[in-house]
Amino acid sequence: MTEALLAVLRYGFETMRLNKVEACTDSRNVASMRLLGKLGFHQDGVRRENTYYHGRFIDEAIFSLLASEWRNAAHVAEEPVEPASDGS
C-alpha cells in the first residue's frame, strides 16, 4: 500500500503540480492513519459522525500533505533503507 500511495502522491505533486492532497479515513482505522503519518501527512481534524456506514454514523479523520512538505520529505522516502542488524 505504501508504494501505491507514494506513486499517487508523486504523480499529484510532480506531474499535476497540486499544492495539497487530502485524505479521509475512518477514525478507527489505525493502520491507515499510521501510513498517512509515515508519509508526512498531518491530521487536520475529525468530522464527527460524518459518514453513514453499516447502519450507523462514523467519524472521519482528515489528513493533508502540502507540496512544500512533500518536497522537503520526498528524498527521505526514496532513500534505500539499511537492513536491520540481527545483533550478531
C-alpha atoms as a PDB file:
ATOM      1  CA  MET A   1       0.000   0.000   0.000  1.00  0.00           C
ATOM      2  CA  THR A   2       2.875   2.373   0.741  1.00  0.00           C
ATOM      3  CA  GLU A   3       4.281   2.057  -2.789  1.00  0.00           C
ATOM      4  CA  ALA A   4       0.867   2.693  -4.364  1.00  0.00           C
ATOM      5  CA  LEU A   5       0.239   5.802  -2.270  1.00  0.00           C
ATOM      6  CA  LEU A   6       3.759   7.091  -2.979  1.00  0.00           C
ATOM      7  CA  ALA A   7       3.103   6.690  -6.714  1.00  0.00           C
ATOM      8  CA  VAL A   8      -0.173   8.628  -6.447  1.00  0.00           C
ATOM      9  CA  LEU A   9       1.487  11.395  -4.413  1.00  0.00           C
ATOM     10  CA  ARG A  10       4.418  11.599  -6.811  1.00  0.00           C
ATOM     11  CA  TYR A  11       2.020  11.966  -9.750  1.00  0.00           C
ATOM     12  CA  GLY A  12      -0.126  14.527  -7.943  1.00  0.00           C
ATOM     13  CA  PHE A  13       2.688  16.751  -6.746  1.00  0.00           C
ATOM     14  CA  GLU A  14       5.217  16.333  -9.556  1.00  0.00           C
ATOM     15  CA  THR A  15       3.048  15.875 -12.657  1.00  0.00           C
ATOM     16  CA  MET A  16      -0.210  17.632 -11.776  1.00  0.00           C
ATOM     17  CA  ARG A  17       1.599  20.220  -9.592  1.00  0.00           C
ATOM     18  CA  LEU A  18      -1.017  20.043  -6.846  1.00  0.00           C
ATOM     19  CA  ASN A  19      -0.477  22.252  -3.822  1.00  0.00           C
ATOM     20  CA  LYS A  20      -2.283  19.981  -1.361  1.00  0.00           C
ATOM     21  CA  VAL A  21      -3.541  16.415  -1.085  1.00  0.00           C
ATOM     22  CA  GLU A  22      -6.212  15.483   1.448  1.00  0.00           C
ATOM     23  CA  ALA A  23      -7.093  12.062   2.780  1.00  0.00           C
ATOM     24  CA  CYS A  24     -10.068  10.919   4.839  1.00  0.00           C
ATOM     25  CA  THR A  25     -10.275   7.666   6.759  1.00  0.00           C
ATOM     26  CA  ASP A  26     -12.446   6.024   9.364  1.00  0.00           C
ATOM     27  CA  SER A  27     -11.113   7.380  12.649  1.00  0.00           C
ATOM     28  CA  ARG A  28     -10.903   3.801  13.963  1.00  0.00           C
ATOM     29  CA  ASN A  29      -8.608   2.702  11.112  1.00  0.00           C
ATOM     30  CA  VAL A  30      -5.288   2.916  12.930  1.00  0.00           C
ATOM     31  CA  ALA A  31      -3.296   1.290  10.095  1.00  0.00           C
ATOM     32  CA  SER A  32      -4.425   3.884   7.544  1.00  0.00           C
ATOM     33  CA  MET A  33      -3.703   6.762   9.910  1.00  0.00           C
ATOM     34  CA  ARG A  34      -0.246   5.325  10.664  1.00  0.00           C
ATOM     35  CA  LEU A  35       0.525   5.055   6.922  1.00  0.00           C
ATOM     36  CA  LEU A  36      -0.548   8.647   6.291  1.00  0.00           C
ATOM     37  CA  GLY A  37       1.626   9.845   9.160  1.00  0.00           C
ATOM     38  CA  LYS A  38       4.586   7.826   7.854  1.00  0.00           C
ATOM     39  CA  LEU A  39       4.251   9.592   4.503  1.00  0.00           C
ATOM     40  CA  GLY A  40       4.232  13.034   6.105  1.00  0.00           C
ATOM     41  CA  PHE A  41       0.515  13.798   6.308  1.00  0.00           C
ATOM     42  CA  HIS A  42      -0.721  15.904   9.232  1.00  0.00           C
ATOM     43  CA  GLN A  43      -4.061  15.295  10.904  1.00  0.00           C
ATOM     44  CA  ASP A  44      -6.212  18.380  10.386  1.00  0.00           C
ATOM     45  CA  GLY A  45      -9.193  17.232  12.381  1.00  0.00           C
ATOM     46  CA  VAL A  46     -12.150  14.903  12.700  1.00  0.00           C
ATOM     47  CA  ARG A  47     -15.525  15.145  11.007  1.00  0.00           C
ATOM     48  CA  ARG A  48     -17.783  13.785  13.696  1.00  0.00           C
ATOM     49  CA  GLU A  49     -20.438  11.291  12.591  1.00  0.00           C
ATOM     50  CA  ASN A  50     -19.875  12.358   9.000  1.00  0.00           C
ATOM     51  CA  THR A  51     -20.357   9.067   7.143  1.00  0.00           C
ATOM     52  CA  TYR A  52     -23.186   6.553   7.357  1.00  0.00           C
ATOM     53  CA  TYR A  53     -21.654   3.068   7.242  1.00  0.00           C
ATOM     54  CA  HIS A  54     -23.230  -0.298   8.072  1.00  0.00           C
ATOM     55  CA  GLY A  55     -26.222   1.214   9.780  1.00  0.00           C
ATOM     56  CA  ARG A  56     -24.527   3.863  11.866  1.00  0.00           C
ATOM     57  CA  PHE A  57     -22.660   7.144  11.596  1.00  0.00           C
ATOM     58  CA  ILE A  58     -18.877   7.083  11.951  1.00  0.00           C
ATOM     59  CA  ASP A  59     -16.232   9.748  12.472  1.00  0.00           C
ATOM     60  CA  GLU A  60     -13.746  10.540   9.694  1.00  0.00           C
ATOM     61  CA  ALA A  61     -10.177  11.599  10.390  1.00  0.00           C
ATOM     62  CA  ILE A  62      -8.993  14.273   7.927  1.00  0.00           C
ATOM     63  CA  PHE A  63      -5.324  14.483   6.886  1.00  0.00           C
ATOM     64  CA  SER A  64      -3.429  16.713   4.465  1.00  0.00           C
ATOM     65  CA  LEU A  65       0.005  16.986   2.873  1.00  0.00           C
ATOM     66  CA  LEU A  66       1.266  20.198   1.265  1.00  0.00           C
ATOM     67  CA  ALA A  67       3.546  20.333  -1.774  1.00  0.00           C
ATOM     68  CA  SER A  68       6.209  22.109   0.294  1.00  0.00           C
ATOM     69  CA  GLU A  69       6.115  19.292   2.859  1.00  0.00           C
ATOM     70  CA  TRP A  70       6.322  16.714   0.065  1.00  0.00           C
ATOM     71  CA  ARG A  71       9.367  18.423  -1.475  1.00  0.00           C
ATOM     72  CA  ASN A  72      11.127  18.567   1.892  1.00  0.00           C
ATOM     73  CA  ALA A  73      10.438  14.893   2.654  1.00  0.00           C
ATOM     74  CA  ALA A  74      10.470  13.360  -0.845  1.00  0.00           C
ATOM     75  CA  HIS A  75      14.152  12.440  -0.662  1.00  0.00           C
ATOM     76  CA  VAL A  76      13.585  10.556   2.606  1.00  0.00           C
ATOM     77  CA  ALA A  77      11.003   8.209   1.066  1.00  0.00           C
ATOM     78  CA  GLU A  78      13.312   7.372  -1.832  1.00  0.00           C
ATOM     79  CA  GLU A  79      16.491   6.674   0.138  1.00  0.00           C
ATOM     80  CA  PRO A  80      17.312   2.985   0.484  1.00  0.00           C
ATOM     81  CA  VAL A  81      16.695   1.565   3.910  1.00  0.00           C
ATOM     82  CA  GLU A  82      19.513  -0.366   5.544  1.00  0.00           C
ATOM     83  CA  PRO A  83      18.514  -3.858   6.688  1.00  0.00           C
ATOM     84  CA  ALA A  84      18.186  -4.215  10.445  1.00  0.00           C
ATOM     85  CA  SER A  85      21.121  -5.836  12.180  1.00  0.00           C
ATOM     86  CA  ASP A  86      20.322  -9.048  13.993  1.00  0.00           C
ATOM     87  CA  GLY A  87      22.946  -8.231  16.620  1.00  0.00           C
ATOM     88  CA  SER A  88      25.401 -10.984  15.661  1.00  0.00           C
END
